C-alpha cells in the first residue's frame, strides 16, 4: 500500500516513530475496529482511532443524541441533538479523516445480531453502559475469537482491561462471573459521572487498540487498570484466569449465546 503525499503529511508524527513507521501505519489503515456504543466511552475512542488512520471503524448504537449526553459524549454537538448517534458520529469522524471508512449500525446488540457484527472486525471496543451488553459482547467475542477492549466508568472511577481468552488470557467472566442483581448498581442518571472521566477511559481504550494492532508495548490482558480521578491515581491489579469460569474454563457451562442476557442493570 502506498500513501499519498497528503496522507504522509497527515500521519507524519506516527511515521517517524520507530515503533510505528510506515509499515505500522499501513497496519492501522488495514485494521477494522468495532465500537459498541457511540456515547461517553465510544466518543473519544472513535475520534482518536479515526485520527490515527484506522481504516474501517464500525459504530453500533441504537440511541439518538440527547442534550444530557453532551457533557461527556464529545462525538456529538448541540446541532445533532435528536439525530441518531451513529449518524452524528459518522459526520464527525468523516470530517476528521475523510480517508477512512465509517460503517454505522443503528441498533442495540442482541443474541441474534452480535456474532454477525463482530465477525467483520479485528478488534471490538465495548463502551456500553449496562451489564447485559457487557456480558453479551464478552461472550460473543469469546466465541468469535476477537480481542475485546473493555472500559467502564462510575462517578469518579474508571476501569479498563483487554480481553483475549483465545490467546490464553482470562475473559470478562473470570473477573465478574455473572451480572449483579438488577437494581443493585445505580446508573449514571442516578449516581452521576464526571464528564472528562469518559475522555480518559475512552482514549485509553483507543491506545490499547492501537497497541494491539501494531503488536507493541505491554498487554493488560491479565490486568485490570483502575483510575481514580479524584486522587489522580492509577492502579494495575492482577486479573487471573478463573479455573471454574463458566465460559473460558476447561469445563464451561456456557457453550453458546442461548442464555439469558436480559438483566436490566446499568453501570
Protein backbone atom coordinates (compact mmCIF):
# COMPACT_ATOMS: atom_id res chain seq x y z
CA UNK A 1 0.00 0.00 0.00
CA UNK A 2 1.32 3.44 -0.93
CA UNK A 3 0.29 6.62 0.86
CA UNK A 4 -0.34 9.88 -0.95
CA UNK A 5 1.77 12.89 -0.09
CA UNK A 6 -1.19 14.28 1.86
CA UNK A 7 -1.53 11.07 3.86
CA UNK A 8 2.19 11.03 4.61
CA UNK A 9 1.84 14.54 5.96
CA UNK A 10 -1.27 13.59 7.97
CA UNK A 11 0.42 10.62 9.65
CA UNK A 12 3.95 12.05 9.77
CA UNK A 13 4.13 12.03 13.57
CA UNK A 14 3.33 8.33 13.56
CA UNK A 15 5.68 7.51 10.73
CA UNK A 16 8.72 9.00 12.47
CA UNK A 17 8.13 6.76 15.50
CA UNK A 18 10.37 3.69 15.28
CA UNK A 19 7.62 1.57 16.86
CA UNK A 20 5.13 2.58 14.16
CA UNK A 21 6.81 3.77 10.96
CA UNK A 22 5.34 3.36 7.51
CA UNK A 23 4.69 -0.35 7.97
CA UNK A 24 2.81 0.27 11.19
CA UNK A 25 0.71 2.97 9.59
CA UNK A 26 -0.21 0.50 6.86
CA UNK A 27 -1.34 -1.94 9.59
CA UNK A 28 -3.54 0.77 11.07
CA UNK A 29 -5.02 1.60 7.67
CA UNK A 30 -5.94 -2.06 7.13
CA UNK A 31 -7.38 -2.57 10.61
CA UNK A 32 -11.08 -2.83 11.35
CA UNK A 33 -12.34 -1.77 14.77
CA UNK A 34 -15.92 -2.07 16.02
CA UNK A 35 -17.19 0.25 18.76
CA UNK A 36 -20.16 -0.94 20.78
CA UNK A 37 -21.70 2.34 21.90
CA UNK A 38 -21.18 5.83 20.48
CA UNK A 39 -21.55 7.54 23.84
CA UNK A 40 -19.20 8.63 26.62
CA UNK A 41 -16.51 5.99 26.03
CA UNK A 42 -17.07 5.44 22.33
CA UNK A 43 -16.82 9.16 21.53
CA UNK A 44 -13.17 9.81 22.47
CA UNK A 45 -12.11 6.35 21.35
CA UNK A 46 -13.67 6.83 17.92
CA UNK A 47 -12.19 10.31 17.49
CA UNK A 48 -8.63 9.17 18.16
CA UNK A 49 -8.96 5.96 16.16
CA UNK A 50 -10.16 8.00 13.20
CA UNK A 51 -7.34 10.49 13.63
CA UNK A 52 -4.85 7.61 13.84
CA UNK A 53 -5.98 6.32 10.46
CA UNK A 54 -7.79 3.12 11.41
CA UNK A 55 -9.06 2.01 8.00
CA UNK A 56 -12.54 0.88 9.00
CA UNK A 57 -14.47 1.96 12.08
CA UNK A 58 -17.87 0.49 12.92
CA UNK A 59 -20.26 2.38 15.18
CA UNK A 60 -23.05 0.47 16.91
CA UNK A 61 -25.70 2.40 18.85
CA UNK A 62 -29.48 2.41 18.75
CA UNK A 63 -29.92 5.71 20.57
CA UNK A 64 -30.30 9.34 19.48
CA UNK A 65 -28.33 12.30 20.80
CA UNK A 66 -29.83 13.87 23.91
CA UNK A 67 -28.86 17.21 25.43
CA UNK A 68 -27.74 15.46 28.63
CA UNK A 69 -25.21 13.45 26.57
CA UNK A 70 -23.16 16.49 25.60
CA UNK A 71 -21.47 16.83 29.00
CA UNK A 72 -19.26 13.84 28.07
CA UNK A 73 -20.13 12.48 24.61
CA UNK A 74 -17.84 14.67 22.51
CA UNK A 75 -18.62 12.88 19.26
CA UNK A 76 -21.86 14.87 19.16
CA UNK A 77 -22.83 18.55 19.21
CA UNK A 78 -25.80 20.70 20.13
CA UNK A 79 -26.72 20.76 16.43
CA UNK A 80 -27.11 16.97 16.36
CA UNK A 81 -29.48 16.64 19.34
CA UNK A 82 -32.24 14.29 18.18
CA UNK A 83 -30.05 12.75 15.46
CA UNK A 84 -29.12 9.04 15.69
CA UNK A 85 -25.77 8.78 17.46
CA UNK A 86 -24.24 6.66 14.73
CA UNK A 87 -25.11 9.27 12.09
CA UNK A 88 -23.87 12.14 14.25
CA UNK A 89 -20.69 10.15 14.86
CA UNK A 90 -20.23 9.35 11.19
CA UNK A 91 -20.35 13.03 10.30
CA UNK A 92 -17.77 13.97 12.92
CA UNK A 93 -15.35 11.15 12.10
CA UNK A 94 -15.59 11.78 8.36
CA UNK A 95 -14.80 15.45 8.97
CA UNK A 96 -11.69 14.49 10.96
CA UNK A 97 -10.43 11.92 8.45
CA UNK A 98 -12.19 11.56 5.08
CA UNK A 99 -9.83 8.76 4.03
CA UNK A 100 -11.28 6.14 6.36
CA UNK A 101 -14.44 4.05 6.10
CA UNK A 102 -17.18 4.55 8.69
CA UNK A 103 -19.84 1.86 8.95
CA UNK A 104 -22.91 2.56 11.06
CA UNK A 105 -25.36 0.22 12.74
CA UNK A 106 -28.34 1.94 14.32
CA UNK A 107 -29.37 -0.88 16.60
CA UNK A 108 -28.87 -2.38 20.02
CA UNK A 109 -26.84 -5.57 20.08
CA UNK A 110 -28.59 -8.80 21.00
CA UNK A 111 -28.05 -12.54 20.71
CA UNK A 112 -29.36 -12.51 17.14
CA UNK A 113 -27.06 -9.86 15.65
CA UNK A 114 -23.90 -9.67 17.77
CA UNK A 115 -21.93 -12.50 16.15
CA UNK A 116 -22.63 -11.15 12.68
CA UNK A 117 -21.40 -7.73 13.74
CA UNK A 118 -18.12 -8.76 15.35
CA UNK A 119 -17.26 -11.23 12.57
CA UNK A 120 -16.19 -8.45 10.19
CA UNK A 121 -13.83 -6.72 12.63
CA UNK A 122 -10.38 -7.37 14.12
CA UNK A 123 -10.90 -5.69 17.49
CA UNK A 124 -14.01 -4.76 19.47
CA UNK A 125 -14.22 -1.86 21.93
CA UNK A 126 -17.01 -2.12 24.48
CA UNK A 127 -18.29 1.28 25.54
CA UNK A 128 -21.73 0.10 26.62
CA UNK A 129 -23.40 1.29 29.80
CA UNK A 130 -25.12 -1.85 31.02
CA UNK A 131 -24.19 -5.29 32.27
CA UNK A 132 -26.49 -7.03 29.80
CA UNK A 133 -24.47 -5.76 26.86
CA UNK A 134 -21.10 -6.22 28.57
CA UNK A 135 -21.64 -9.91 29.18
CA UNK A 136 -23.14 -10.44 25.73
CA UNK A 137 -20.23 -8.72 23.99
CA UNK A 138 -17.69 -10.65 26.07
CA UNK A 139 -19.31 -13.97 25.24
CA UNK A 140 -19.67 -13.15 21.54
CA UNK A 141 -16.02 -12.09 21.27
CA UNK A 142 -15.00 -15.29 23.04
CA UNK A 143 -16.83 -17.48 20.53
CA UNK A 144 -15.62 -15.36 17.60
CA UNK A 145 -12.03 -15.29 18.94
CA UNK A 146 -11.89 -11.50 18.76
CA UNK A 147 -9.83 -9.24 21.02
CA UNK A 148 -12.09 -7.12 23.22
CA UNK A 149 -11.05 -3.93 24.98
CA UNK A 150 -13.46 -3.11 27.75
CA UNK A 151 -13.79 0.07 29.80
CA UNK A 152 -16.33 1.27 32.31
CA UNK A 153 -16.84 4.33 34.48
CA UNK A 154 -18.85 5.27 37.55
CA UNK A 155 -18.89 8.65 39.28
CA UNK A 156 -15.13 9.40 39.53
CA UNK A 157 -13.65 5.96 38.85
CA UNK A 158 -12.86 4.11 35.63
CA UNK A 159 -11.77 0.56 34.86
CA UNK A 160 -10.00 -0.82 31.79
CA UNK A 161 -8.83 -4.20 30.56
CA UNK A 162 -8.08 -6.09 27.36
CA UNK A 163 -9.78 -9.46 26.96
CA UNK A 164 -8.08 -12.16 24.88
CA UNK A 165 -9.06 -15.65 26.06
CA UNK A 166 -8.21 -17.02 22.59
CA UNK A 167 -4.59 -16.09 23.41
CA UNK A 168 -4.70 -17.78 26.82
CA UNK A 169 -5.74 -14.77 28.89
CA UNK A 170 -8.81 -14.51 31.18
CA UNK A 171 -12.21 -13.40 29.91
CA UNK A 172 -14.59 -10.87 31.45
CA UNK A 173 -16.41 -13.62 33.34
CA UNK A 174 -13.17 -14.58 35.09
CA UNK A 175 -13.46 -11.19 36.78
CA UNK A 176 -17.25 -10.98 37.04
CA UNK A 177 -18.83 -14.45 36.68
CA UNK A 178 -22.35 -13.07 36.36
CA UNK A 179 -24.20 -9.73 36.43
CA UNK A 180 -25.23 -8.32 39.80
CA UNK A 181 -28.92 -8.42 40.74
CA UNK A 182 -31.00 -5.84 38.90
CA UNK A 183 -31.17 -2.56 40.78
CA UNK A 184 -28.10 -3.18 42.94
CA UNK A 185 -25.83 -0.81 40.97
CA UNK A 186 -27.24 2.65 40.17
CA UNK A 187 -26.85 4.04 36.66
CA UNK A 188 -25.31 7.35 35.62
CA UNK A 189 -28.67 9.11 35.77
CA UNK A 190 -28.98 8.13 39.42
CA UNK A 191 -25.36 8.45 40.56
CA UNK A 192 -23.79 10.84 38.03
CA UNK A 193 -20.45 10.63 36.28
CA UNK A 194 -17.60 13.10 35.80
CA UNK A 195 -17.74 14.02 32.12
CA UNK A 196 -13.99 14.13 31.48
CA UNK A 197 -13.62 10.66 33.01
CA UNK A 198 -15.22 9.35 29.83
CA UNK A 199 -12.48 11.05 27.84
CA UNK A 200 -9.72 9.48 29.92
CA UNK A 201 -11.08 5.95 29.72
CA UNK A 202 -12.13 6.13 26.07
CA UNK A 203 -8.72 7.39 24.98
CA UNK A 204 -7.06 4.58 26.96
CA UNK A 205 -9.26 2.12 25.04
CA UNK A 206 -8.10 3.62 21.76
CA UNK A 207 -4.47 3.45 22.91
CA UNK A 208 -4.79 -0.24 23.77
CA UNK A 209 -6.47 -0.95 20.42
CA UNK A 210 -3.61 0.70 18.53
CA UNK A 211 -1.06 -1.25 20.58
CA UNK A 212 -2.85 -4.50 19.76
CA UNK A 213 -2.95 -3.69 16.05
CA UNK A 214 0.74 -2.76 15.94
CA UNK A 215 1.85 -5.54 18.30
CA UNK A 216 3.79 -3.15 20.54
CA UNK A 217 4.03 -2.45 24.24
CA UNK A 218 2.79 -4.47 27.19
CA UNK A 219 -0.63 -6.07 27.17
CA UNK A 220 -3.08 -5.53 30.02
CA UNK A 221 -4.98 -8.72 29.17
CA UNK A 222 -4.04 -10.17 32.57
CA UNK A 223 -4.52 -6.90 34.44
CA UNK A 224 -7.31 -4.57 35.49
CA UNK A 225 -6.41 -0.88 35.34
CA UNK A 226 -8.30 1.25 37.87
CA UNK A 227 -8.27 5.03 37.61
CA UNK A 228 -9.37 7.31 40.45
CA UNK A 229 -9.90 10.82 39.05
CA UNK A 230 -10.27 12.44 42.48
CA UNK A 231 -6.94 11.10 43.72
CA UNK A 232 -5.29 11.21 40.26
CA UNK A 233 -4.17 7.65 40.85
CA UNK A 234 -3.78 4.66 38.55
CA UNK A 235 -3.57 1.11 39.86
CA UNK A 236 -2.94 -2.13 38.00
CA UNK A 237 -4.18 -5.26 39.70
CA UNK A 238 -3.72 -8.84 38.60
CA UNK A 239 -6.64 -10.44 36.79
CA UNK A 240 -6.02 -14.21 36.79
CA UNK A 241 -7.94 -16.84 34.88
CA UNK A 242 -10.72 -18.49 36.85
CA UNK A 243 -10.31 -22.29 36.57
CA UNK A 244 -14.06 -22.55 37.15
CA UNK A 245 -15.05 -19.81 34.71
CA UNK A 246 -18.44 -20.67 33.18
CA UNK A 247 -17.19 -19.54 29.76
CA UNK A 248 -13.45 -20.00 29.20
CA UNK A 249 -12.50 -22.81 31.61
CA UNK A 250 -11.81 -26.39 30.58
CA UNK A 251 -15.35 -27.31 31.69
CA UNK A 252 -17.58 -24.43 30.56
CA UNK A 253 -21.29 -24.27 31.28
CA UNK A 254 -21.85 -21.51 28.70
CA UNK A 255 -21.42 -23.03 25.25
CA UNK A 256 -23.34 -20.59 23.07
CA UNK A 257 -25.33 -17.36 23.23
CA UNK A 258 -28.53 -19.14 24.16
CA UNK A 259 -28.54 -17.96 27.77
CA UNK A 260 -30.41 -15.13 29.47
CA UNK A 261 -28.95 -11.70 28.71
CA UNK A 262 -31.96 -9.73 29.89
CA UNK A 263 -30.55 -8.33 33.15
CA UNK A 264 -31.71 -4.70 33.34
CA UNK A 265 -28.93 -3.21 35.43
CA UNK A 266 -26.86 -0.31 34.13
CA UNK A 267 -23.46 0.99 35.17
